[in-house]
PDB file of N, CA and C in Angstrom:
ATOM      1  N   MET A   1      -3.705 -13.694  -4.445  1.00  0.00           N
ATOM      2  CA  MET A   1      -3.452 -12.479  -4.629  1.00  0.00           C
ATOM      3  C   MET A   1      -2.506 -11.021  -4.296  1.00  0.00           C
ATOM      4  N   GLU A   2      -1.934 -10.773  -5.045  1.00  0.00           N
ATOM      5  CA  GLU A   2      -1.063  -9.358  -4.539  1.00  0.00           C
ATOM      6  C   GLU A   2      -0.829  -8.354  -5.661  1.00  0.00           C
ATOM      7  N   LYS A   3      -1.453  -7.133  -5.169  1.00  0.00           N
ATOM      8  CA  LYS A   3      -1.023  -6.397  -5.858  1.00  0.00           C
ATOM      9  C   LYS A   3      -0.100  -5.021  -5.369  1.00  0.00           C
ATOM     10  N   LYS A   4       0.440  -4.621  -6.146  1.00  0.00           N
ATOM     11  CA  LYS A   4       1.397  -3.267  -6.222  1.00  0.00           C
ATOM     12  C   LYS A   4       1.187  -1.498  -6.474  1.00  0.00           C
ATOM     13  N   ILE A   5       1.483  -1.182  -5.187  1.00  0.00           N
ATOM     14  CA  ILE A   5       0.603   0.102  -5.003  1.00  0.00           C
ATOM     15  C   ILE A   5       1.594   1.159  -5.319  1.00  0.00           C
ATOM     16  N   LEU A   6       1.980   1.828  -6.306  1.00  0.00           N
ATOM     17  CA  LEU A   6       3.041   3.112  -6.462  1.00  0.00           C
ATOM     18  C   LEU A   6       2.712   4.483  -5.682  1.00  0.00           C
ATOM     19  N   ILE A   7       3.267   4.745  -4.967  1.00  0.00           N
ATOM     20  CA  ILE A   7       3.136   5.748  -3.846  1.00  0.00           C
ATOM     21  C   ILE A   7       4.381   6.850  -3.908  1.00  0.00           C
ATOM     22  N   GLU A   8       3.211   7.928  -3.652  1.00  0.00           N
ATOM     23  CA  GLU A   8       4.157   9.705  -3.898  1.00  0.00           C
ATOM     24  C   GLU A   8       4.227   9.970  -2.425  1.00  0.00           C
ATOM     25  N   GLY A   9       5.086  10.340  -1.927  1.00  0.00           N
ATOM     26  CA  GLY A   9       5.287  11.474  -0.579  1.00  0.00           C
ATOM     27  C   GLY A   9       6.209  10.516  -0.011  1.00  0.00           C
ATOM     28  N   MET A  10       6.539   9.268   0.176  1.00  0.00           N
ATOM     29  CA  MET A  10       7.485   8.890   0.673  1.00  0.00           C
ATOM     30  C   MET A  10       8.806   9.415   0.698  1.00  0.00           C
ATOM     31  N   SER A  11       9.338   9.679   1.965  1.00  0.00           N
ATOM     32  CA  SER A  11      10.831  10.225   2.127  1.00  0.00           C
ATOM     33  C   SER A  11      11.748   9.442   3.527  1.00  0.00           C
ATOM     34  N   CYS A  12      10.684   8.733   4.224  1.00  0.00           N
ATOM     35  CA  CYS A  12      11.456   8.497   5.661  1.00  0.00           C
ATOM     36  C   CYS A  12      11.216   7.320   5.873  1.00  0.00           C
ATOM     37  N   GLY A  13      12.268   6.138   6.730  1.00  0.00           N
ATOM     38  CA  GLY A  13      11.571   5.121   7.061  1.00  0.00           C
ATOM     39  C   GLY A  13      10.002   5.218   7.962  1.00  0.00           C
ATOM     40  N   HIS A  14      10.290   6.623   8.191  1.00  0.00           N
ATOM     41  CA  HIS A  14       9.017   7.082   9.170  1.00  0.00           C
ATOM     42  C   HIS A  14       7.787   6.277   8.174  1.00  0.00           C
ATOM     43  N   CYS A  15       7.718   6.656   7.011  1.00  0.00           N
ATOM     44  CA  CYS A  15       6.701   7.016   5.947  1.00  0.00           C
ATOM     45  C   CYS A  15       6.711   5.952   5.860  1.00  0.00           C
ATOM     46  N   VAL A  16       7.296   4.930   5.465  1.00  0.00           N
ATOM     47  CA  VAL A  16       6.905   3.630   5.682  1.00  0.00           C
ATOM     48  C   VAL A  16       6.456   2.695   6.223  1.00  0.00           C
ATOM     49  N   GLY A  17       6.599   2.961   7.313  1.00  0.00           N
ATOM     50  CA  GLY A  17       5.850   2.568   8.890  1.00  0.00           C
ATOM     51  C   GLY A  17       4.662   2.693   8.597  1.00  0.00           C
ATOM     52  N   HIS A  18       4.187   4.133   8.300  1.00  0.00           N
ATOM     53  CA  HIS A  18       2.964   5.056   8.171  1.00  0.00           C
ATOM     54  C   HIS A  18       2.159   4.037   7.323  1.00  0.00           C
ATOM     55  N   VAL A  19       2.895   3.923   6.242  1.00  0.00           N
ATOM     56  CA  VAL A  19       2.100   3.046   5.418  1.00  0.00           C
ATOM     57  C   VAL A  19       1.603   1.203   5.337  1.00  0.00           C
ATOM     58  N   GLU A  20       2.912   1.468   5.964  1.00  0.00           N
ATOM     59  CA  GLU A  20       2.923  -0.337   6.370  1.00  0.00           C
ATOM     60  C   GLU A  20       1.690  -0.929   7.184  1.00  0.00           C
ATOM     61  N   ARG A  21       2.103   0.348   8.270  1.00  0.00           N
ATOM     62  CA  ARG A  21       0.489   0.064   9.486  1.00  0.00           C
ATOM     63  C   ARG A  21      -0.885   0.032   8.929  1.00  0.00           C
ATOM     64  N   ALA A  22      -0.967   1.315   7.998  1.00  0.00           N
ATOM     65  CA  ALA A  22      -2.383   1.392   7.506  1.00  0.00           C
ATOM     66  C   ALA A  22      -2.939  -0.003   6.333  1.00  0.00           C
ATOM     67  N   LEU A  23      -2.009  -0.509   5.775  1.00  0.00           N
ATOM     68  CA  LEU A  23      -2.147  -1.546   5.029  1.00  0.00           C
ATOM     69  C   LEU A  23      -2.448  -2.894   5.545  1.00  0.00           C
ATOM     70  N   LYS A  24      -1.854  -2.864   6.694  1.00  0.00           N
ATOM     71  CA  LYS A  24      -1.882  -4.340   7.859  1.00  0.00           C
ATOM     72  C   LYS A  24      -3.028  -4.306   8.308  1.00  0.00           C
ATOM     73  N   GLU A  25      -4.308  -2.714   7.854  1.00  0.00           N
ATOM     74  CA  GLU A  25      -5.203  -2.921   8.778  1.00  0.00           C
ATOM     75  C   GLU A  25      -6.439  -3.172   8.154  1.00  0.00           C
ATOM     76  N   VAL A  26      -6.055  -3.590   6.733  1.00  0.00           N
ATOM     77  CA  VAL A  26      -6.735  -4.193   5.425  1.00  0.00           C
ATOM     78  C   VAL A  26      -6.622  -5.083   5.977  1.00  0.00           C
ATOM     79  N   LYS A  27      -8.406  -5.924   6.285  1.00  0.00           N
ATOM     80  CA  LYS A  27      -8.681  -6.999   6.999  1.00  0.00           C
ATOM     81  C   LYS A  27      -8.534  -8.188   5.841  1.00  0.00           C
ATOM     82  N   GLU A  28      -8.302  -7.615   4.136  1.00  0.00           N
ATOM     83  CA  GLU A  28      -7.834  -9.074   3.221  1.00  0.00           C
ATOM     84  C   GLU A  28      -6.472  -9.138   3.298  1.00  0.00           C
ATOM     85  N   SER A  29      -5.313  -8.258   4.397  1.00  0.00           N
ATOM     86  CA  SER A  29      -4.447  -8.394   3.728  1.00  0.00           C
ATOM     87  C   SER A  29      -3.732  -9.587   4.750  1.00  0.00           C
ATOM     88  N   ILE A  30      -2.451 -10.159   4.100  1.00  0.00           N
ATOM     89  CA  ILE A  30      -1.996 -11.676   4.572  1.00  0.00           C
ATOM     90  C   ILE A  30      -0.139 -10.861   5.005  1.00  0.00           C
ATOM     91  N   GLU A  31       0.317  -9.990   3.815  1.00  0.00           N
ATOM     92  CA  GLU A  31       1.400  -9.761   3.900  1.00  0.00           C
ATOM     93  C   GLU A  31       1.670  -8.514   3.366  1.00  0.00           C
ATOM     94  N   VAL A  32       2.654  -7.187   4.214  1.00  0.00           N
ATOM     95  CA  VAL A  32       2.539  -5.792   3.434  1.00  0.00           C
ATOM     96  C   VAL A  32       4.386  -5.707   3.064  1.00  0.00           C
ATOM     97  N   LYS A  33       4.858  -5.812   2.302  1.00  0.00           N
ATOM     98  CA  LYS A  33       5.787  -4.658   2.434  1.00  0.00           C
ATOM     99  C   LYS A  33       6.551  -3.526   1.547  1.00  0.00           C
ATOM    100  N   VAL A  34       6.560  -2.775   2.340  1.00  0.00           N
ATOM    101  CA  VAL A  34       6.586  -0.976   1.582  1.00  0.00           C
ATOM    102  C   VAL A  34       8.551  -0.802   1.410  1.00  0.00           C
ATOM    103  N   ASP A  35       8.544  -0.638  -0.313  1.00  0.00           N
ATOM    104  CA  ASP A  35       9.994  -0.084  -0.746  1.00  0.00           C
ATOM    105  C   ASP A  35      10.135   1.245  -0.592  1.00  0.00           C
ATOM    106  N   LEU A  36      10.731   2.252   0.277  1.00  0.00           N
ATOM    107  CA  LEU A  36      11.144   3.776   0.247  1.00  0.00           C
ATOM    108  C   LEU A  36      11.665   3.670  -1.039  1.00  0.00           C
ATOM    109  N   GLU A  37      12.693   3.279  -1.546  1.00  0.00           N
ATOM    110  CA  GLU A  37      13.256   3.609  -2.653  1.00  0.00           C
ATOM    111  C   GLU A  37      12.738   2.895  -3.964  1.00  0.00           C
ATOM    112  N   GLY A  38      12.102   2.184  -4.019  1.00  0.00           N
ATOM    113  CA  GLY A  38      11.343   1.630  -5.307  1.00  0.00           C
ATOM    114  C   GLY A  38       9.876   2.202  -5.322  1.00  0.00           C
ATOM    115  N   LYS A  39       9.313   3.509  -4.460  1.00  0.00           N
ATOM    116  CA  LYS A  39       8.181   3.899  -4.293  1.00  0.00           C
ATOM    117  C   LYS A  39       6.846   3.485  -4.528  1.00  0.00           C
ATOM    118  N   ASN A  40       6.950   2.368  -3.735  1.00  0.00           N
ATOM    119  CA  ASN A  40       5.570   1.082  -3.717  1.00  0.00           C
ATOM    120  C   ASN A  40       5.585   0.452  -2.365  1.00  0.00           C
ATOM    121  N   ALA A  41       4.685  -0.231  -2.494  1.00  0.00           N
ATOM    122  CA  ALA A  41       4.236  -1.498  -1.691  1.00  0.00           C
ATOM    123  C   ALA A  41       3.316  -2.152  -2.668  1.00  0.00           C
ATOM    124  N   VAL A  42       3.750  -3.946  -2.125  1.00  0.00           N
ATOM    125  CA  VAL A  42       3.652  -4.785  -2.631  1.00  0.00           C
ATOM    126  C   VAL A  42       2.294  -5.518  -1.464  1.00  0.00           C
ATOM    127  N   ILE A  43       1.252  -5.610  -1.180  1.00  0.00           N
ATOM    128  CA  ILE A  43       0.209  -6.488  -0.411  1.00  0.00           C
ATOM    129  C   ILE A  43      -0.056  -7.941  -0.637  1.00  0.00           C
ATOM    130  N   LYS A  44      -0.176  -8.211  -0.418  1.00  0.00           N
ATOM    131  CA  LYS A  44      -0.320  -9.853  -0.223  1.00  0.00           C
ATOM    132  C   LYS A  44      -1.932  -9.995   0.113  1.00  0.00           C
ATOM    133  N   LEU A  45      -2.732 -10.534  -0.271  1.00  0.00           N
ATOM    134  CA  LEU A  45      -4.459 -10.525  -0.052  1.00  0.00           C
ATOM    135  C   LEU A  45      -5.228 -11.999   0.124  1.00  0.00           C
ATOM    136  N   LYS A  46      -5.804 -12.489   1.177  1.00  0.00           N
ATOM    137  CA  LYS A  46      -6.762 -13.404   1.130  1.00  0.00           C
ATOM    138  C   LYS A  46      -7.655 -13.649   0.053  1.00  0.00           C
ATOM    139  N   GLU A  47      -8.014 -12.183  -0.508  1.00  0.00           N
ATOM    140  CA  GLU A  47      -8.972 -12.252  -1.434  1.00  0.00           C
ATOM    141  C   GLU A  47      -8.797 -10.523  -1.864  1.00  0.00           C
ATOM    142  N   ASP A  48      -9.548 -10.835  -3.181  1.00  0.00           N
ATOM    143  CA  ASP A  48      -9.500  -9.812  -3.909  1.00  0.00           C
ATOM    144  C   ASP A  48     -10.442  -8.584  -3.274  1.00  0.00           C
ATOM    145  N   ILE A  49      -9.421  -7.060  -3.003  1.00  0.00           N
ATOM    146  CA  ILE A  49     -10.403  -6.057  -2.997  1.00  0.00           C
ATOM    147  C   ILE A  49     -10.561  -4.907  -3.695  1.00  0.00           C
ATOM    148  N   SER A  50     -11.030  -4.228  -3.917  1.00  0.00           N
ATOM    149  CA  SER A  50     -11.315  -2.698  -4.991  1.00  0.00           C
ATOM    150  C   SER A  50      -9.518  -2.141  -5.154  1.00  0.00           C
ATOM    151  N   ASN A  51      -9.373  -1.906  -6.041  1.00  0.00           N
ATOM    152  CA  ASN A  51      -8.193  -0.583  -5.993  1.00  0.00           C
ATOM    153  C   ASN A  51      -8.961   0.583  -5.133  1.00  0.00           C
ATOM    154  N   GLU A  52      -9.496   1.044  -5.771  1.00  0.00           N
ATOM    155  CA  GLU A  52     -10.586   2.386  -5.084  1.00  0.00           C
ATOM    156  C   GLU A  52      -9.991   1.965  -3.090  1.00  0.00           C
ATOM    157  N   LYS A  53     -10.318   0.826  -2.667  1.00  0.00           N
ATOM    158  CA  LYS A  53     -10.123   0.582  -1.613  1.00  0.00           C
ATOM    159  C   LYS A  53      -8.848   1.146  -1.253  1.00  0.00           C
ATOM    160  N   LEU A  54      -7.644   0.237  -1.612  1.00  0.00           N
ATOM    161  CA  LEU A  54      -6.232   0.335  -1.310  1.00  0.00           C
ATOM    162  C   LEU A  54      -6.140   2.246  -1.252  1.00  0.00           C
ATOM    163  N   LYS A  55      -6.809   2.677  -2.733  1.00  0.00           N
ATOM    164  CA  LYS A  55      -5.992   3.576  -2.712  1.00  0.00           C
ATOM    165  C   LYS A  55      -6.636   4.718  -1.676  1.00  0.00           C
ATOM    166  N   GLU A  56      -8.064   4.275  -1.484  1.00  0.00           N
ATOM    167  CA  GLU A  56      -8.413   5.510  -0.347  1.00  0.00           C
ATOM    168  C   GLU A  56      -7.867   5.240   1.144  1.00  0.00           C
ATOM    169  N   VAL A  57      -6.807   4.190   1.512  1.00  0.00           N
ATOM    170  CA  VAL A  57      -6.389   3.589   2.174  1.00  0.00           C
ATOM    171  C   VAL A  57      -5.075   4.313   2.821  1.00  0.00           C
ATOM    172  N   VAL A  58      -4.292   4.101   1.278  1.00  0.00           N
ATOM    173  CA  VAL A  58      -3.028   5.092   1.104  1.00  0.00           C
ATOM    174  C   VAL A  58      -2.566   6.294   1.505  1.00  0.00           C
ATOM    175  N   GLU A  59      -4.139   6.923   0.875  1.00  0.00           N
ATOM    176  CA  GLU A  59      -4.371   8.184   0.667  1.00  0.00           C
ATOM    177  C   GLU A  59      -4.588   8.765   1.914  1.00  0.00           C
ATOM    178  N   GLU A  60      -5.573   8.277   3.145  1.00  0.00           N
ATOM    179  CA  GLU A  60      -6.135   8.291   4.463  1.00  0.00           C
ATOM    180  C   GLU A  60      -4.409   8.658   5.328  1.00  0.00           C
ATOM    181  N   ALA A  61      -3.965   7.631   4.669  1.00  0.00           N
ATOM    182  CA  ALA A  61      -2.100   7.892   5.825  1.00  0.00           C
ATOM    183  C   ALA A  61      -1.465   8.894   4.774  1.00  0.00           C
ATOM    184  N   GLY A  62      -2.100   9.829   4.288  1.00  0.00           N
ATOM    185  CA  GLY A  62      -1.581  11.054   3.961  1.00  0.00           C
ATOM    186  C   GLY A  62      -0.401  10.771   2.468  1.00  0.00           C
ATOM    187  N   TYR A  63      -0.649   9.791   1.900  1.00  0.00           N
ATOM    188  CA  TYR A  63       0.508   9.429   0.835  1.00  0.00           C
ATOM    189  C   TYR A  63      -0.861   9.480  -1.067  1.00  0.00           C
ATOM    190  N   ASP A  64       0.466   9.766  -1.846  1.00  0.00           N
ATOM    191  CA  ASP A  64      -0.721   9.727  -3.123  1.00  0.00           C
ATOM    192  C   ASP A  64      -0.229   8.431  -4.065  1.00  0.00           C
ATOM    193  N   VAL A  65      -1.287   8.011  -4.494  1.00  0.00           N
ATOM    194  CA  VAL A  65      -1.288   6.842  -5.103  1.00  0.00           C
ATOM    195  C   VAL A  65      -1.123   7.243  -6.571  1.00  0.00           C
ATOM    196  N   VAL A  66      -0.047   6.540  -7.153  1.00  0.00           N
ATOM    197  CA  VAL A  66      -0.421   6.877  -9.117  1.00  0.00           C
ATOM    198  C   VAL A  66      -0.786   6.043  -9.442  1.00  0.00           C
ATOM    199  N   ALA A  67      -0.654   4.385  -8.667  1.00  0.00           N
ATOM    200  CA  ALA A  67      -1.136   3.469 -10.215  1.00  0.00           C
ATOM    201  C   ALA A  67      -1.149   2.320  -8.813  1.00  0.00           C
ATOM    202  N   ILE A  68      -2.262   1.434  -9.085  1.00  0.00           N
ATOM    203  CA  ILE A  68      -1.974   0.004  -8.781  1.00  0.00           C
ATOM    204  C   ILE A  68      -2.504  -0.875  -9.945  1.00  0.00           C
ATOM    205  N   GLU A  69      -0.942  -2.386  -9.654  1.00  0.00           N
ATOM    206  CA  GLU A  69      -1.629  -3.354 -10.365  1.00  0.00           C
ATOM    207  C   GLU A  69      -1.452  -4.530 -10.086  1.00  0.00           C
ATOM    208  N   ASN A  70      -1.832  -5.315 -10.672  1.00  0.00           N
ATOM    209  CA  ASN A  70      -2.187  -7.131  -9.912  1.00  0.00           C
ATOM    210  C   ASN A  70      -0.675  -7.807 -10.363  1.00  0.00           C
ATOM    211  N   LEU A  71      -0.546  -8.526  -9.813  1.00  0.00           N
ATOM    212  CA  LEU A  71       0.760  -8.874  -9.763  1.00  0.00           C
ATOM    213  C   LEU A  71       0.697 -10.402  -9.913  1.00  0.00           C
TER     214      LEU A  71
END
């Protein structure tokens, strides 16, 4: 299972690292790729988790979630 998270507020490599670390702490995550230019993150999951949980993780890291799509 993969999900793509569209994120607002990232402006540099530090932001990418911050979002990446936050999403890697999600226990269901296998792999996380954050794209600054595309303003998104793709997370591979062992099992499905709610979009609300992912939104909460990103927002706690200090960024806004625009949308989450299943890939």
